Amino acid sequence: MGAKGFTLIELVVIMIITAVIATVVMARWNLDPVKRSSTVRKVVADVRYTQKLAVTTQRRAGLAFNANGYSVFSDISVAAAALSPGDPCSTDAANAFIVDFTQARCREYSGVTIAPAVTIAFDPMGMPVDAGGNALATQNITLTLGGASVITVEAGTGRVSY
């Protein structure tokens, strides 16, 4: 009786077939929920950053949301764009903190939309206020891509959850 096992050629053919099947499966896999989840974490981090910016500078700071992204302001009363913390998606050509999901620099978040178009600011105590400095009710921001995820900014405390 001969030796039992696979030849090197048989193993290579099996590996090639496995690679082709894996490539087809990955191409059909819907990554929208993963991309949406990643975007939610980025937006939450930027909202928390803005709240900390207001507390540390003792000036109102805020985010102006639109369907394609948002801008972060270091002094909401004069709408002075905050300097970007360095994330490529958060930095426009002038180093302003402007996130635009339609731009090539934000390609990992492309296709995500935000609603409603709202401005949320934080006072020097970290409490959410409107552009006029009046206390805000709890705000819900919805991110959509292959489903929806909601980010909540609580009234009074500014607690951010998702």
N, C-alpha and C. Protein backbone atom coordinates (compact mmCIF):
# COMPACT_ATOMS: atom_id res chain seq x y z
N MET A 1 0.83 -1.17 0.00
CA MET A 1 0.00 0.00 0.00
C MET A 1 0.88 1.24 0.00
N GLY A 2 0.39 2.28 -0.71
CA GLY A 2 1.16 3.52 -0.84
C GLY A 2 0.94 4.43 0.37
N ALA A 3 1.74 5.46 0.43
CA ALA A 3 1.63 6.45 1.50
C ALA A 3 0.35 7.25 1.31
N LYS A 4 -0.29 7.57 2.42
CA LYS A 4 -1.53 8.34 2.37
C LYS A 4 -1.22 9.80 2.74
N GLY A 5 -1.85 10.72 2.03
CA GLY A 5 -1.64 12.14 2.30
C GLY A 5 -1.85 12.95 1.05
N PHE A 6 -1.58 14.23 1.14
CA PHE A 6 -1.76 15.13 0.01
C PHE A 6 -0.41 15.49 -0.58
N THR A 7 -0.39 15.68 -1.86
CA THR A 7 0.83 16.17 -2.51
C THR A 7 0.86 17.68 -2.38
N LEU A 8 2.00 18.27 -2.63
CA LEU A 8 2.15 19.72 -2.55
C LEU A 8 1.22 20.41 -3.55
N ILE A 9 1.08 19.86 -4.72
CA ILE A 9 0.19 20.46 -5.73
C ILE A 9 -1.26 20.45 -5.25
N GLU A 10 -1.71 19.39 -4.64
CA GLU A 10 -3.08 19.32 -4.13
C GLU A 10 -3.31 20.38 -3.04
N LEU A 11 -2.33 20.56 -2.16
CA LEU A 11 -2.46 21.56 -1.10
C LEU A 11 -2.53 22.97 -1.68
N VAL A 12 -1.71 23.27 -2.69
CA VAL A 12 -1.72 24.58 -3.32
C VAL A 12 -3.07 24.83 -3.99
N VAL A 13 -3.61 23.85 -4.68
CA VAL A 13 -4.91 24.00 -5.33
C VAL A 13 -6.00 24.26 -4.29
N ILE A 14 -5.97 23.56 -3.18
CA ILE A 14 -6.96 23.76 -2.11
C ILE A 14 -6.84 25.18 -1.55
N MET A 15 -5.62 25.67 -1.36
CA MET A 15 -5.41 27.02 -0.83
C MET A 15 -5.93 28.08 -1.82
N ILE A 16 -5.71 27.87 -3.11
CA ILE A 16 -6.20 28.82 -4.11
C ILE A 16 -7.72 28.84 -4.13
N ILE A 17 -8.35 27.68 -4.09
CA ILE A 17 -9.82 27.61 -4.07
C ILE A 17 -10.36 28.30 -2.83
N THR A 18 -9.74 28.07 -1.67
CA THR A 18 -10.17 28.72 -0.43
C THR A 18 -10.04 30.23 -0.53
N ALA A 19 -8.95 30.73 -1.12
CA ALA A 19 -8.75 32.17 -1.26
C ALA A 19 -9.80 32.78 -2.18
N VAL A 20 -10.14 32.10 -3.26
CA VAL A 20 -11.17 32.60 -4.17
C VAL A 20 -12.52 32.67 -3.48
N ILE A 21 -12.88 31.64 -2.75
CA ILE A 21 -14.16 31.62 -2.03
C ILE A 21 -14.19 32.74 -0.99
N ALA A 22 -13.10 32.93 -0.24
CA ALA A 22 -13.04 33.99 0.77
C ALA A 22 -13.19 35.36 0.13
N THR A 23 -12.59 35.57 -1.02
CA THR A 23 -12.69 36.86 -1.71
C THR A 23 -14.13 37.14 -2.13
N VAL A 24 -14.81 36.14 -2.66
CA VAL A 24 -16.21 36.30 -3.07
C VAL A 24 -17.09 36.61 -1.86
N VAL A 25 -16.89 35.91 -0.77
CA VAL A 25 -17.69 36.12 0.44
C VAL A 25 -17.45 37.53 0.99
N MET A 26 -16.21 37.98 1.04
CA MET A 26 -15.90 39.32 1.56
C MET A 26 -16.51 40.42 0.68
N ALA A 27 -16.52 40.21 -0.63
CA ALA A 27 -17.08 41.21 -1.53
C ALA A 27 -18.59 41.36 -1.33
N ARG A 28 -19.25 40.32 -0.91
CA ARG A 28 -20.71 40.36 -0.72
C ARG A 28 -21.10 40.74 0.71
N TRP A 29 -20.13 40.80 1.60
CA TRP A 29 -20.39 41.09 3.00
C TRP A 29 -20.74 42.57 3.15
N ASN A 30 -21.81 42.87 3.84
CA ASN A 30 -22.25 44.24 4.03
C ASN A 30 -21.53 44.84 5.24
N LEU A 31 -20.67 45.83 4.97
CA LEU A 31 -19.89 46.45 6.04
C LEU A 31 -20.53 47.74 6.55
N ASP A 32 -21.73 48.09 6.07
CA ASP A 32 -22.38 49.33 6.50
C ASP A 32 -22.53 49.43 8.02
N PRO A 33 -22.99 48.38 8.72
CA PRO A 33 -23.12 48.51 10.17
C PRO A 33 -21.78 48.76 10.87
N VAL A 34 -20.72 48.20 10.35
CA VAL A 34 -19.39 48.41 10.93
C VAL A 34 -18.95 49.86 10.72
N LYS A 35 -19.17 50.36 9.50
CA LYS A 35 -18.81 51.74 9.18
C LYS A 35 -19.65 52.71 10.02
N ARG A 36 -20.95 52.42 10.17
CA ARG A 36 -21.82 53.28 10.97
C ARG A 36 -21.37 53.30 12.43
N SER A 37 -21.01 52.13 12.96
CA SER A 37 -20.55 52.04 14.34
C SER A 37 -19.27 52.84 14.55
N SER A 38 -18.37 52.75 13.60
CA SER A 38 -17.12 53.50 13.68
C SER A 38 -17.39 55.00 13.65
N THR A 39 -18.34 55.41 12.81
CA THR A 39 -18.70 56.82 12.71
C THR A 39 -19.33 57.31 14.01
N VAL A 40 -20.18 56.50 14.60
CA VAL A 40 -20.82 56.87 15.88
C VAL A 40 -19.74 57.12 16.93
N ARG A 41 -18.76 56.23 17.01
CA ARG A 41 -17.70 56.41 18.00
C ARG A 41 -16.92 57.70 17.75
N LYS A 42 -16.68 58.05 16.48
CA LYS A 42 -15.96 59.28 16.16
C LYS A 42 -16.78 60.49 16.57
N VAL A 43 -18.06 60.52 16.21
CA VAL A 43 -18.90 61.67 16.54
C VAL A 43 -19.01 61.82 18.05
N VAL A 44 -19.21 60.73 18.78
CA VAL A 44 -19.28 60.79 20.24
C VAL A 44 -17.98 61.35 20.82
N ALA A 45 -16.85 60.90 20.32
CA ALA A 45 -15.56 61.41 20.80
C ALA A 45 -15.43 62.90 20.52
N ASP A 46 -15.90 63.35 19.36
CA ASP A 46 -15.81 64.77 19.03
C ASP A 46 -16.77 65.61 19.87
N VAL A 47 -17.94 65.09 20.19
CA VAL A 47 -18.86 65.81 21.09
C VAL A 47 -18.23 65.94 22.47
N ARG A 48 -17.66 64.86 22.97
CA ARG A 48 -16.99 64.91 24.29
C ARG A 48 -15.79 65.86 24.26
N TYR A 49 -15.04 65.84 23.17
CA TYR A 49 -13.90 66.76 23.02
C TYR A 49 -14.39 68.21 23.09
N THR A 50 -15.49 68.51 22.42
CA THR A 50 -16.03 69.86 22.40
C THR A 50 -16.47 70.29 23.79
N GLN A 51 -17.09 69.37 24.53
CA GLN A 51 -17.50 69.68 25.89
C GLN A 51 -16.27 69.99 26.76
N LYS A 52 -15.23 69.19 26.63
CA LYS A 52 -14.00 69.44 27.40
C LYS A 52 -13.33 70.74 26.98
N LEU A 53 -13.41 71.08 25.69
CA LEU A 53 -12.86 72.33 25.19
C LEU A 53 -13.54 73.51 25.86
N ALA A 54 -14.86 73.44 26.01
CA ALA A 54 -15.60 74.51 26.67
C ALA A 54 -15.20 74.65 28.13
N VAL A 55 -15.04 73.53 28.80
CA VAL A 55 -14.68 73.57 30.23
C VAL A 55 -13.26 74.09 30.41
N THR A 56 -12.32 73.62 29.62
CA THR A 56 -10.93 74.02 29.82
C THR A 56 -10.64 75.45 29.39
N THR A 57 -11.33 75.94 28.35
CA THR A 57 -11.10 77.32 27.91
C THR A 57 -12.02 78.31 28.60
N GLN A 58 -13.02 77.79 29.32
CA GLN A 58 -14.02 78.62 30.00
C GLN A 58 -14.74 79.55 29.02
N ARG A 59 -14.99 79.02 27.80
CA ARG A 59 -15.75 79.71 26.77
C ARG A 59 -16.67 78.70 26.12
N ARG A 60 -17.80 79.18 25.62
CA ARG A 60 -18.71 78.26 24.94
C ARG A 60 -18.03 77.63 23.73
N ALA A 61 -18.24 76.35 23.56
CA ALA A 61 -17.77 75.62 22.39
C ALA A 61 -18.94 74.78 21.90
N GLY A 62 -18.99 74.54 20.60
CA GLY A 62 -20.14 73.81 20.09
C GLY A 62 -19.88 73.10 18.79
N LEU A 63 -20.89 72.35 18.39
CA LEU A 63 -20.87 71.62 17.13
C LEU A 63 -22.09 72.04 16.32
N ALA A 64 -21.88 72.33 15.05
CA ALA A 64 -22.98 72.65 14.14
C ALA A 64 -23.11 71.47 13.19
N PHE A 65 -24.15 70.68 13.36
CA PHE A 65 -24.38 69.47 12.56
C PHE A 65 -25.14 69.82 11.28
N ASN A 66 -24.81 69.13 10.19
CA ASN A 66 -25.59 69.18 8.96
C ASN A 66 -25.65 67.75 8.43
N ALA A 67 -26.30 67.53 7.32
CA ALA A 67 -26.51 66.18 6.79
C ALA A 67 -25.21 65.45 6.47
N ASN A 68 -24.16 66.19 6.09
CA ASN A 68 -22.91 65.57 5.67
C ASN A 68 -21.81 65.56 6.71
N GLY A 69 -22.05 66.15 7.88
CA GLY A 69 -21.00 66.20 8.89
C GLY A 69 -21.27 67.28 9.92
N TYR A 70 -20.19 67.92 10.37
CA TYR A 70 -20.33 68.94 11.40
C TYR A 70 -19.06 69.76 11.51
N SER A 71 -19.19 70.92 12.15
CA SER A 71 -18.06 71.79 12.44
C SER A 71 -17.99 71.97 13.94
N VAL A 72 -16.79 72.10 14.46
CA VAL A 72 -16.59 72.35 15.88
C VAL A 72 -16.09 73.78 16.04
N PHE A 73 -16.74 74.53 16.95
CA PHE A 73 -16.39 75.92 17.18
C PHE A 73 -15.81 76.09 18.57
N SER A 74 -14.75 76.88 18.67
CA SER A 74 -14.12 77.10 19.97
C SER A 74 -14.79 78.22 20.74
N ASP A 75 -15.49 79.12 20.08
CA ASP A 75 -16.25 80.16 20.76
C ASP A 75 -17.52 80.36 19.94
N ILE A 76 -18.58 79.72 20.36
CA ILE A 76 -19.80 79.68 19.57
C ILE A 76 -20.37 81.07 19.33
N SER A 77 -20.07 82.03 20.21
CA SER A 77 -20.65 83.36 20.05
C SER A 77 -20.07 84.10 18.85
N VAL A 78 -18.84 83.78 18.45
CA VAL A 78 -18.24 84.43 17.28
C VAL A 78 -18.00 83.44 16.16
N ALA A 79 -18.44 82.20 16.35
CA ALA A 79 -18.30 81.14 15.33
C ALA A 79 -16.87 80.99 14.85
N ALA A 80 -15.91 81.06 15.75
CA ALA A 80 -14.50 80.85 15.39
C ALA A 80 -14.24 79.36 15.34
N ALA A 81 -13.87 78.84 14.18
CA ALA A 81 -13.64 77.41 14.04
C ALA A 81 -12.49 76.97 14.93
N ALA A 82 -12.69 75.89 15.64
CA ALA A 82 -11.65 75.35 16.52
C ALA A 82 -10.56 74.72 15.67
N LEU A 83 -9.34 74.69 16.21
CA LEU A 83 -8.26 73.98 15.53
C LEU A 83 -8.50 72.49 15.65
N SER A 84 -8.17 71.79 14.60
CA SER A 84 -8.37 70.35 14.58
C SER A 84 -7.43 69.66 15.54
N PRO A 85 -7.89 68.55 16.16
CA PRO A 85 -7.00 67.78 17.03
C PRO A 85 -6.02 66.92 16.24
N GLY A 86 -6.09 66.95 14.91
CA GLY A 86 -5.10 66.24 14.11
C GLY A 86 -5.62 65.05 13.33
N ASP A 87 -6.80 64.59 13.61
CA ASP A 87 -7.41 63.50 12.85
C ASP A 87 -7.60 63.98 11.42
N PRO A 88 -7.12 63.23 10.41
CA PRO A 88 -7.23 63.70 9.02
C PRO A 88 -8.66 64.03 8.60
N CYS A 89 -9.64 63.29 9.07
CA CYS A 89 -11.02 63.57 8.69
C CYS A 89 -11.52 64.86 9.34
N SER A 90 -10.94 65.22 10.47
CA SER A 90 -11.38 66.40 11.21
C SER A 90 -10.67 67.68 10.79
N THR A 91 -9.75 67.60 9.85
CA THR A 91 -8.92 68.75 9.50
C THR A 91 -9.17 69.16 8.06
N ASP A 92 -9.64 70.39 7.86
CA ASP A 92 -9.78 70.87 6.49
C ASP A 92 -8.48 71.54 6.06
N ALA A 93 -8.47 72.12 4.88
CA ALA A 93 -7.23 72.71 4.33
C ALA A 93 -6.69 73.83 5.21
N ALA A 94 -7.55 74.51 5.97
CA ALA A 94 -7.11 75.62 6.83
C ALA A 94 -6.86 75.17 8.27
N ASN A 95 -6.80 73.85 8.51
CA ASN A 95 -6.61 73.26 9.84
C ASN A 95 -7.78 73.56 10.78
N ALA A 96 -8.94 73.87 10.21
CA ALA A 96 -10.14 74.07 11.02
C ALA A 96 -10.78 72.70 11.28
N PHE A 97 -11.48 72.59 12.38
CA PHE A 97 -12.11 71.33 12.81
C PHE A 97 -13.45 71.20 12.10
N ILE A 98 -13.41 70.75 10.84
CA ILE A 98 -14.61 70.59 10.04
C ILE A 98 -14.64 69.16 9.50
N VAL A 99 -15.66 68.40 9.88
CA VAL A 99 -15.83 67.02 9.44
C VAL A 99 -16.87 67.01 8.33
N ASP A 100 -16.47 66.53 7.16
CA ASP A 100 -17.39 66.46 6.02
C ASP A 100 -17.27 65.07 5.42
N PHE A 101 -18.28 64.24 5.63
CA PHE A 101 -18.24 62.84 5.19
C PHE A 101 -18.23 62.69 3.67
N THR A 102 -18.46 63.77 2.94
CA THR A 102 -18.42 63.69 1.48
C THR A 102 -17.01 63.94 0.93
N GLN A 103 -16.09 64.38 1.77
CA GLN A 103 -14.72 64.67 1.34
C GLN A 103 -13.87 63.41 1.31
N ALA A 104 -12.89 63.38 0.43
CA ALA A 104 -11.99 62.21 0.31
C ALA A 104 -11.25 61.95 1.62
N ARG A 105 -10.95 63.00 2.38
CA ARG A 105 -10.21 62.82 3.64
C ARG A 105 -11.04 62.05 4.68
N CYS A 106 -12.34 61.93 4.45
CA CYS A 106 -13.23 61.20 5.36
C CYS A 106 -13.79 59.95 4.71
N ARG A 107 -13.05 59.34 3.80
CA ARG A 107 -13.59 58.23 3.01
C ARG A 107 -14.01 57.04 3.88
N GLU A 108 -13.39 56.85 5.04
CA GLU A 108 -13.79 55.72 5.88
C GLU A 108 -15.17 55.91 6.49
N TYR A 109 -15.72 57.14 6.38
CA TYR A 109 -17.06 57.42 6.90
C TYR A 109 -18.04 57.76 5.78
N SER A 110 -17.65 57.57 4.53
CA SER A 110 -18.48 57.99 3.40
C SER A 110 -19.84 57.28 3.41
N GLY A 111 -20.84 58.01 3.01
CA GLY A 111 -22.19 57.46 2.93
C GLY A 111 -23.02 57.67 4.19
N VAL A 112 -22.39 58.07 5.28
CA VAL A 112 -23.12 58.29 6.53
C VAL A 112 -23.81 59.66 6.46
N THR A 113 -25.05 59.72 6.90
CA THR A 113 -25.76 60.99 6.99
C THR A 113 -26.17 61.25 8.43
N ILE A 114 -26.34 62.53 8.73
CA ILE A 114 -26.68 62.97 10.10
C ILE A 114 -27.98 63.77 10.05
N ALA A 115 -28.84 63.57 11.04
CA ALA A 115 -30.06 64.37 11.19
C ALA A 115 -30.34 64.52 12.69
N PRO A 116 -30.91 65.58 13.12
CA PRO A 116 -31.27 66.77 12.36
C PRO A 116 -30.08 67.73 12.25
N ALA A 117 -30.24 68.76 11.43
CA ALA A 117 -29.25 69.83 11.35
C ALA A 117 -29.48 70.71 12.58
N VAL A 118 -28.57 70.63 13.53
CA VAL A 118 -28.74 71.32 14.80
C VAL A 118 -27.39 71.79 15.31
N THR A 119 -27.40 72.83 16.13
CA THR A 119 -26.18 73.29 16.79
C THR A 119 -26.31 72.99 18.28
N ILE A 120 -25.31 72.30 18.80
CA ILE A 120 -25.26 72.00 20.23
C ILE A 120 -23.99 72.63 20.77
N ALA A 121 -24.13 73.51 21.74
CA ALA A 121 -22.98 74.15 22.36
C ALA A 121 -22.90 73.70 23.82
N PHE A 122 -21.74 73.94 24.41
CA PHE A 122 -21.54 73.65 25.83
C PHE A 122 -21.05 74.92 26.49
N ASP A 123 -21.61 75.21 27.69
CA ASP A 123 -21.15 76.39 28.41
C ASP A 123 -19.88 76.04 29.19
N PRO A 124 -19.28 77.00 29.87
CA PRO A 124 -18.04 76.73 30.60
C PRO A 124 -18.15 75.67 31.69
N MET A 125 -19.38 75.31 32.08
CA MET A 125 -19.58 74.24 33.06
C MET A 125 -19.79 72.89 32.38
N GLY A 126 -19.83 72.87 31.04
CA GLY A 126 -20.02 71.62 30.30
C GLY A 126 -21.47 71.27 30.06
N MET A 127 -22.39 72.19 30.38
CA MET A 127 -23.82 71.93 30.17
C MET A 127 -24.21 72.29 28.74
N PRO A 128 -25.08 71.50 28.10
CA PRO A 128 -25.50 71.83 26.73
C PRO A 128 -26.41 73.05 26.69
N VAL A 129 -26.06 73.95 25.76
CA VAL A 129 -26.83 75.18 25.57
C VAL A 129 -26.98 75.42 24.07
N ASP A 130 -27.90 76.31 23.71
CA ASP A 130 -28.03 76.68 22.30
C ASP A 130 -27.04 77.80 22.00
N ALA A 131 -27.05 78.29 20.77
CA ALA A 131 -26.10 79.33 20.36
C ALA A 131 -26.27 80.61 21.17
N GLY A 132 -27.47 80.84 21.74
CA GLY A 132 -27.72 82.01 22.56
C GLY A 132 -27.36 81.83 24.02
N GLY A 133 -26.93 80.63 24.42
CA GLY A 133 -26.57 80.36 25.80
C GLY A 133 -27.69 79.84 26.66
N ASN A 134 -28.85 79.55 26.07
CA ASN A 134 -29.99 79.02 26.82
C ASN A 134 -29.90 77.50 26.93
N ALA A 135 -30.30 76.97 28.07
CA ALA A 135 -30.24 75.52 28.30
C ALA A 135 -31.01 74.77 27.22
N LEU A 136 -30.43 73.67 26.78
CA LEU A 136 -31.05 72.83 25.76
C LEU A 136 -31.75 71.64 26.41
N ALA A 137 -32.81 71.18 25.78
CA ALA A 137 -33.42 69.90 26.16
C ALA A 137 -32.50 68.79 25.65
N THR A 138 -32.77 67.58 26.06
CA THR A 138 -31.99 66.44 25.58
C THR A 138 -32.03 66.41 24.05
N GLN A 139 -30.88 66.23 23.44
CA GLN A 139 -30.75 66.22 21.99
C GLN A 139 -30.42 64.83 21.49
N ASN A 140 -31.07 64.41 20.43
CA ASN A 140 -30.79 63.13 19.78
C ASN A 140 -30.28 63.40 18.37
N ILE A 141 -29.14 62.82 18.05
CA ILE A 141 -28.54 62.96 16.72
C ILE A 141 -28.54 61.57 16.10
N THR A 142 -29.13 61.44 14.91
CA THR A 142 -29.25 60.14 14.25
C THR A 142 -28.26 60.04 13.11
N LEU A 143 -27.44 58.98 13.13
CA LEU A 143 -26.53 58.67 12.03
C LEU A 143 -27.12 57.51 11.26
N THR A 144 -27.14 57.63 9.94
CA THR A 144 -27.77 56.62 9.10
C THR A 144 -26.82 56.11 8.04
N LEU A 145 -26.72 54.81 7.94
CA LEU A 145 -26.03 54.09 6.87
C LEU A 145 -26.38 52.62 7.04
N GLY A 146 -27.24 52.09 6.19
CA GLY A 146 -27.64 50.69 6.32
C GLY A 146 -28.34 50.43 7.65
N GLY A 147 -29.01 51.43 8.17
CA GLY A 147 -29.66 51.38 9.47
C GLY A 147 -29.40 52.69 10.18
N ALA A 148 -29.89 52.83 11.39
CA ALA A 148 -29.73 54.08 12.12
C ALA A 148 -29.18 53.84 13.51
N SER A 149 -28.36 54.77 13.97
CA SER A 149 -27.85 54.78 15.34
C SER A 149 -28.09 56.17 15.91
N VAL A 150 -28.45 56.22 17.19
CA VAL A 150 -28.79 57.49 17.82
C VAL A 150 -27.77 57.82 18.90
N ILE A 151 -27.27 59.06 18.85
CA ILE A 151 -26.39 59.60 19.88
C ILE A 151 -27.24 60.57 20.70
N THR A 152 -27.18 60.46 22.01
CA THR A 152 -27.98 61.31 22.89
C THR A 152 -27.07 62.19 23.73
N VAL A 153 -27.37 63.49 23.74
CA VAL A 153 -26.69 64.45 24.62
C VAL A 153 -27.73 64.89 25.64
N GLU A 154 -27.50 64.51 26.90
CA GLU A 154 -28.49 64.75 27.96
C GLU A 154 -28.54 66.21 28.37
N ALA A 155 -29.75 66.68 28.62
CA ALA A 155 -29.96 68.04 29.13
C ALA A 155 -29.33 68.15 30.52
N GLY A 156 -28.85 69.31 30.85
CA GLY A 156 -28.33 69.56 32.19
C GLY A 156 -26.91 69.08 32.42
N THR A 157 -26.63 67.82 32.11
CA THR A 157 -25.30 67.27 32.39
C THR A 157 -24.39 67.23 31.17
N GLY A 158 -24.99 67.10 29.98
CA GLY A 158 -24.18 66.95 28.78
C GLY A 158 -23.66 65.54 28.57
N ARG A 159 -24.17 64.61 29.36
CA ARG A 159 -23.73 63.22 29.21
C ARG A 159 -24.04 62.74 27.80
N VAL A 160 -23.05 62.11 27.17
CA VAL A 160 -23.20 61.63 25.80
C VAL A 160 -23.27 60.11 25.82
N SER A 161 -24.31 59.56 25.19
CA SER A 161 -24.47 58.10 25.12
C SER A 161 -24.92 57.70 23.75
N TYR A 162 -24.75 56.42 23.46
CA TYR A 162 -25.18 55.88 22.17
C TYR A 162 -25.55 54.43 22.30
